[in-house]
C-alpha cells in the first residue's frame, strides 16, 4: 500500500523538492510504483518527516510554501522546542574579527535554555554553531543542500559535532542534492520562521542576509542588529535606523524576548 508519506518522499526525490513541481504532480495524480518508492528509501541515509506526519514541525506549516518533506539527522524534537528562547543568527560569510568577537560574546552570555539556529555556512553561521557548542547550547543547522552533501565541505566536522552535542541538521533536499544559490535562499525562510528572535551579526549591501531579515519581518519575528562603524556599508546600521533592536550583549536579547 502506498501512503501519503510515500508519495511526498517520491515526489521530493523526483522534483528535487521543487514546490511548484511537486504540487503540479500531486494535482495530476502521477502514477507511482511501489518498487520506485522502495528504491528511493534504500538510497536514503537520513531520516525524514512529511507534511502528513504528526511529527512534522508546526512552525513550518505557517510558511507560504512549507517543505513537503523535511530530511533530518539528530533530535527532531528541538523543532518543537516550547521555550521562547529560539535565536536565529545570520551574517556575512566573509566576516570581520569584530563580527566574530561580537557574535561569540553575545552567545557566550546567553542562558542555557537558548536554542541557536543558523545555516552552517562559512563566517557568522559557523561562529554561531561553534559558540553554541562551546557553551553547551543546543544548535540547529539548516542546510541548502542534501545532508550527505555538507556545504562547505570544511564544515563536515562541525556538522558532526552538532549531532554529538544533541543538536539537529535539517534540509528540505534529498541526501545527494548538491547546493545551488536558490537553495540557500529557500533555506533562509526556514531559518527565519523557526526563531523568536533574529540576530544580524554582520552584513553588508547586496548581502543575502537581507532576504532572511525580510522573511523574519513578514513572519512577525523580532529582529536585532549589532551596531557597526559609520562608512562601513553595514546593513546592520540601516536596519537599526529602520527600527531593529540595538544588540550589544546577550541581555539585550533576553530583555526583548521577555
Protein backbone atom coordinates (compact mmCIF):
# COMPACT_ATOMS: atom_id res chain seq x y z
CA UNK A 1 0.00 0.00 0.00
CA UNK A 2 1.33 3.44 -0.97
CA UNK A 3 0.79 6.09 1.72
CA UNK A 4 0.73 9.88 1.53
CA UNK A 5 4.12 9.81 3.24
CA UNK A 6 5.47 7.60 0.42
CA UNK A 7 4.06 9.84 -2.30
CA UNK A 8 5.65 13.00 -0.88
CA UNK A 9 9.03 11.29 -0.47
CA UNK A 10 8.90 10.06 -4.07
CA UNK A 11 7.96 13.49 -5.43
CA UNK A 12 10.60 15.22 -3.33
CA UNK A 13 13.22 12.95 -4.85
CA UNK A 14 11.91 13.24 -8.41
CA UNK A 15 11.50 17.03 -8.41
CA UNK A 16 14.42 17.84 -6.09
CA UNK A 17 11.96 19.38 -3.60
CA UNK A 18 10.75 21.99 -6.10
CA UNK A 19 7.49 23.06 -4.51
CA UNK A 20 5.64 24.00 -7.68
CA UNK A 21 6.74 20.84 -9.48
CA UNK A 22 5.58 18.67 -6.60
CA UNK A 23 2.25 20.45 -6.34
CA UNK A 24 1.57 20.04 -10.05
CA UNK A 25 2.43 16.33 -9.81
CA UNK A 26 0.01 15.96 -6.89
CA UNK A 27 -2.74 17.63 -8.89
CA UNK A 28 -2.06 15.36 -11.88
CA UNK A 29 -2.03 12.31 -9.62
CA UNK A 30 1.14 10.99 -11.23
CA UNK A 31 1.41 7.21 -11.23
CA UNK A 32 3.89 5.90 -8.66
CA UNK A 33 5.13 2.34 -8.35
CA UNK A 34 5.90 0.60 -5.06
CA UNK A 35 9.30 -0.54 -6.31
CA UNK A 36 10.25 3.07 -7.13
CA UNK A 37 9.50 4.15 -3.58
CA UNK A 38 11.47 1.23 -2.17
CA UNK A 39 14.47 2.14 -4.34
CA UNK A 40 14.36 5.73 -3.03
CA UNK A 41 14.14 4.61 0.60
CA UNK A 42 17.09 2.29 0.05
CA UNK A 43 19.19 5.26 -1.09
CA UNK A 44 18.23 7.47 1.84
CA UNK A 45 20.66 7.70 4.77
CA UNK A 46 18.96 10.47 6.72
CA UNK A 47 15.58 10.35 8.44
CA UNK A 48 12.59 12.28 7.14
CA UNK A 49 9.18 13.57 8.08
CA UNK A 50 6.44 14.77 5.71
CA UNK A 51 3.59 17.25 5.96
CA UNK A 52 1.12 14.41 6.53
CA UNK A 53 3.01 13.11 9.59
CA UNK A 54 2.12 14.20 13.12
CA UNK A 55 5.82 14.75 13.86
CA UNK A 56 6.06 17.48 11.21
CA UNK A 57 7.06 20.78 12.93
CA UNK A 58 4.13 23.14 13.40
CA UNK A 59 6.25 26.24 12.71
CA UNK A 60 6.90 25.12 9.15
CA UNK A 61 3.20 24.81 8.40
CA UNK A 62 2.89 28.62 8.68
CA UNK A 63 5.11 29.12 5.63
CA UNK A 64 3.51 30.03 2.31
CA UNK A 65 5.37 27.11 0.70
CA UNK A 66 6.23 24.74 3.54
CA UNK A 67 8.59 21.88 2.68
CA UNK A 68 6.59 18.82 1.70
CA UNK A 69 9.38 16.70 3.17
CA UNK A 70 11.92 17.59 5.84
CA UNK A 71 15.07 15.45 5.97
CA UNK A 72 16.98 15.40 9.22
CA UNK A 73 19.72 13.95 11.39
CA UNK A 74 19.69 14.39 15.14
CA UNK A 75 16.99 15.42 17.59
CA UNK A 76 13.88 16.49 15.66
CA UNK A 77 12.20 17.36 18.96
CA UNK A 78 14.28 20.54 19.02
CA UNK A 79 11.90 21.93 16.39
CA UNK A 80 9.06 21.51 18.88
CA UNK A 81 11.06 23.43 21.48
CA UNK A 82 8.49 25.05 23.77
CA UNK A 83 10.86 27.69 25.08
CA UNK A 84 10.51 31.17 23.62
CA UNK A 85 14.30 31.32 23.53
CA UNK A 86 14.87 30.33 19.91
CA UNK A 87 17.55 32.55 18.40
CA UNK A 88 18.49 32.53 14.73
CA UNK A 89 21.85 34.13 13.93
CA UNK A 90 22.76 35.25 10.42
CA UNK A 91 25.55 37.26 8.84
CA UNK A 92 28.33 37.57 6.34
CA UNK A 93 30.41 34.62 5.13
CA UNK A 94 33.39 37.00 4.85
CA UNK A 95 33.11 38.35 8.36
CA UNK A 96 35.47 40.63 10.22
CA UNK A 97 37.18 39.96 13.55
CA UNK A 98 34.72 42.45 15.05
CA UNK A 99 31.78 40.40 13.79
CA UNK A 100 33.32 37.17 15.05
CA UNK A 101 34.16 38.55 18.51
CA UNK A 102 30.76 40.24 18.89
CA UNK A 103 28.87 37.08 17.94
CA UNK A 104 30.93 34.97 20.32
CA UNK A 105 30.46 37.45 23.16
CA UNK A 106 26.68 37.56 22.76
CA UNK A 107 26.19 33.79 22.53
CA UNK A 108 28.61 33.25 25.43
CA UNK A 109 26.30 35.34 27.61
CA UNK A 110 23.02 33.61 26.78
CA UNK A 111 21.14 31.46 29.31
CA UNK A 112 21.48 27.71 28.87
CA UNK A 113 17.92 27.24 27.62
CA UNK A 114 18.58 29.10 24.36
CA UNK A 115 18.42 27.23 21.07
CA UNK A 116 20.77 28.61 18.40
CA UNK A 117 19.70 28.29 14.76
CA UNK A 118 21.87 29.11 11.75
CA UNK A 119 22.84 27.93 8.28
CA UNK A 120 26.20 26.09 8.61
CA UNK A 121 27.86 28.43 6.09
CA UNK A 122 31.32 29.96 6.43
CA UNK A 123 31.61 33.05 8.59
CA UNK A 124 28.96 34.10 11.09
CA UNK A 125 26.96 30.87 10.70
CA UNK A 126 29.95 28.74 11.68
CA UNK A 127 30.85 31.06 14.54
CA UNK A 128 27.27 30.81 15.86
CA UNK A 129 27.20 27.00 15.83
CA UNK A 130 30.70 26.75 17.32
CA UNK A 131 29.84 29.24 20.08
CA UNK A 132 26.69 27.29 20.90
CA UNK A 133 28.69 24.07 21.19
CA UNK A 134 31.31 25.73 23.34
CA UNK A 135 28.59 26.89 25.75
CA UNK A 136 26.66 23.58 25.72
CA UNK A 137 23.69 25.16 23.96
CA UNK A 138 21.66 23.08 21.53
CA UNK A 139 22.00 24.22 17.93
CA UNK A 140 20.13 23.57 14.69
CA UNK A 141 21.78 23.85 11.26
CA UNK A 142 19.50 24.48 8.27
CA UNK A 143 21.18 23.36 5.03
CA UNK A 144 20.75 24.45 1.43
CA UNK A 145 21.74 21.02 0.12
CA UNK A 146 21.31 17.35 0.95
CA UNK A 147 22.51 16.08 4.32
CA UNK A 148 25.09 13.87 2.61
CA UNK A 149 26.44 16.88 0.69
CA UNK A 150 27.56 19.14 3.52
CA UNK A 151 28.49 22.54 2.10
CA UNK A 152 31.04 23.86 2.63
CA UNK A 153 32.90 20.55 2.93
CA UNK A 154 35.18 22.13 5.52
CA UNK A 155 32.19 22.22 7.90
CA UNK A 156 31.71 18.45 7.83
CA UNK A 157 33.39 18.11 11.22
CA UNK A 158 31.27 20.94 12.62
CA UNK A 159 28.11 19.19 11.45
CA UNK A 160 29.24 16.00 13.20
CA UNK A 161 29.95 17.93 16.41
CA UNK A 162 26.47 19.43 16.31
CA UNK A 163 25.00 15.93 16.26
CA UNK A 164 27.32 14.68 19.00
CA UNK A 165 26.08 17.54 21.20
CA UNK A 166 22.44 16.51 20.73
CA UNK A 167 21.73 19.05 18.00
CA UNK A 168 19.98 18.80 14.67
CA UNK A 169 20.72 19.07 10.94
CA UNK A 170 17.75 19.69 8.64
CA UNK A 171 17.17 20.18 4.92
CA UNK A 172 14.25 20.09 2.52
CA UNK A 173 16.53 18.44 -0.06
CA UNK A 174 17.18 14.73 -0.58
CA UNK A 175 20.54 13.42 0.68
CA UNK A 176 22.51 13.64 -2.58
CA UNK A 177 21.24 17.04 -3.80
CA UNK A 178 24.12 19.47 -4.34
CA UNK A 179 23.96 23.09 -3.25
CA UNK A 180 22.63 25.80 -5.58
CA UNK A 181 22.29 29.55 -4.92
CA UNK A 182 18.48 29.38 -4.95
CA UNK A 183 18.52 26.58 -2.39
CA UNK A 184 20.21 28.89 0.11
CA UNK A 185 17.52 31.49 -0.48
CA UNK A 186 14.91 28.80 0.19
CA UNK A 187 16.57 27.67 3.40
CA UNK A 188 16.59 31.27 4.69
CA UNK A 189 12.82 31.21 5.12
CA UNK A 190 13.20 28.20 7.41
CA UNK A 191 15.89 29.90 9.48
CA UNK A 192 13.55 32.87 9.85
CA UNK A 193 10.36 31.01 10.75
CA UNK A 194 11.92 28.74 13.39
CA UNK A 195 13.11 31.57 15.66
CA UNK A 196 11.52 34.03 18.03
CA UNK A 197 14.35 36.49 17.54
CA UNK A 198 16.66 37.02 14.55
CA UNK A 199 20.11 38.44 15.25
CA UNK A 200 22.02 40.02 12.36
CA UNK A 201 25.65 39.90 13.46
CA UNK A 202 27.32 41.33 10.39
CA UNK A 203 26.08 42.04 6.89
CA UNK A 204 26.69 44.47 4.06
CA UNK A 205 24.94 45.79 0.98
CA UNK A 206 23.87 43.11 -1.54
CA UNK A 207 24.06 40.51 1.22
CA UNK A 208 21.74 37.51 1.23
CA UNK A 209 21.18 38.25 4.91
CA UNK A 210 18.64 40.90 3.93
CA UNK A 211 16.48 38.14 2.43
CA UNK A 212 16.36 36.36 5.78
CA UNK A 213 15.52 39.63 7.52
CA UNK A 214 12.63 40.25 5.14
CA UNK A 215 11.31 36.76 5.78
CA UNK A 216 11.57 37.25 9.56
CA UNK A 217 9.74 40.57 9.47
CA UNK A 218 6.97 39.10 7.31
CA UNK A 219 6.55 36.32 9.90
CA UNK A 220 6.31 38.84 12.73
CA UNK A 221 9.68 37.99 14.30
CA UNK A 222 11.75 40.44 16.33
CA UNK A 223 14.97 41.48 14.61
CA UNK A 224 18.08 42.87 16.28
CA UNK A 225 21.47 44.01 14.97
CA UNK A 226 24.97 44.57 16.25
CA UNK A 227 25.98 48.20 15.52
CA UNK A 228 28.90 48.98 13.19
CA UNK A 229 31.22 51.87 12.47
CA UNK A 230 29.95 54.51 10.08
CA UNK A 231 31.10 54.32 6.44
CA UNK A 232 31.34 50.52 6.62
CA UNK A 233 28.30 49.97 4.40
CA UNK A 234 26.73 47.76 7.03
CA UNK A 235 23.06 46.93 6.60
CA UNK A 236 23.01 46.44 10.37
CA UNK A 237 23.10 50.21 10.85
CA UNK A 238 20.45 50.66 8.16
CA UNK A 239 18.19 48.18 9.92
CA UNK A 240 18.78 49.94 13.24
CA UNK A 241 17.64 53.21 11.67
CA UNK A 242 14.53 51.39 10.47
CA UNK A 243 13.66 50.20 13.96
CA UNK A 244 15.60 46.98 14.58
CA UNK A 245 16.70 46.36 18.17
CA UNK A 246 20.21 47.50 19.08
CA UNK A 247 22.08 44.47 20.42
CA UNK A 248 25.30 44.96 22.34
CA UNK A 249 25.16 41.95 24.65
CA UNK A 250 23.11 38.87 25.46
CA UNK A 251 20.98 40.74 28.00
CA UNK A 252 19.61 42.96 25.21
CA UNK A 253 18.17 39.87 23.51
CA UNK A 254 16.83 38.39 26.74
CA UNK A 255 15.04 41.66 27.60
CA UNK A 256 13.32 41.83 24.20
CA UNK A 257 12.18 38.20 24.31
CA UNK A 258 10.85 38.56 27.86
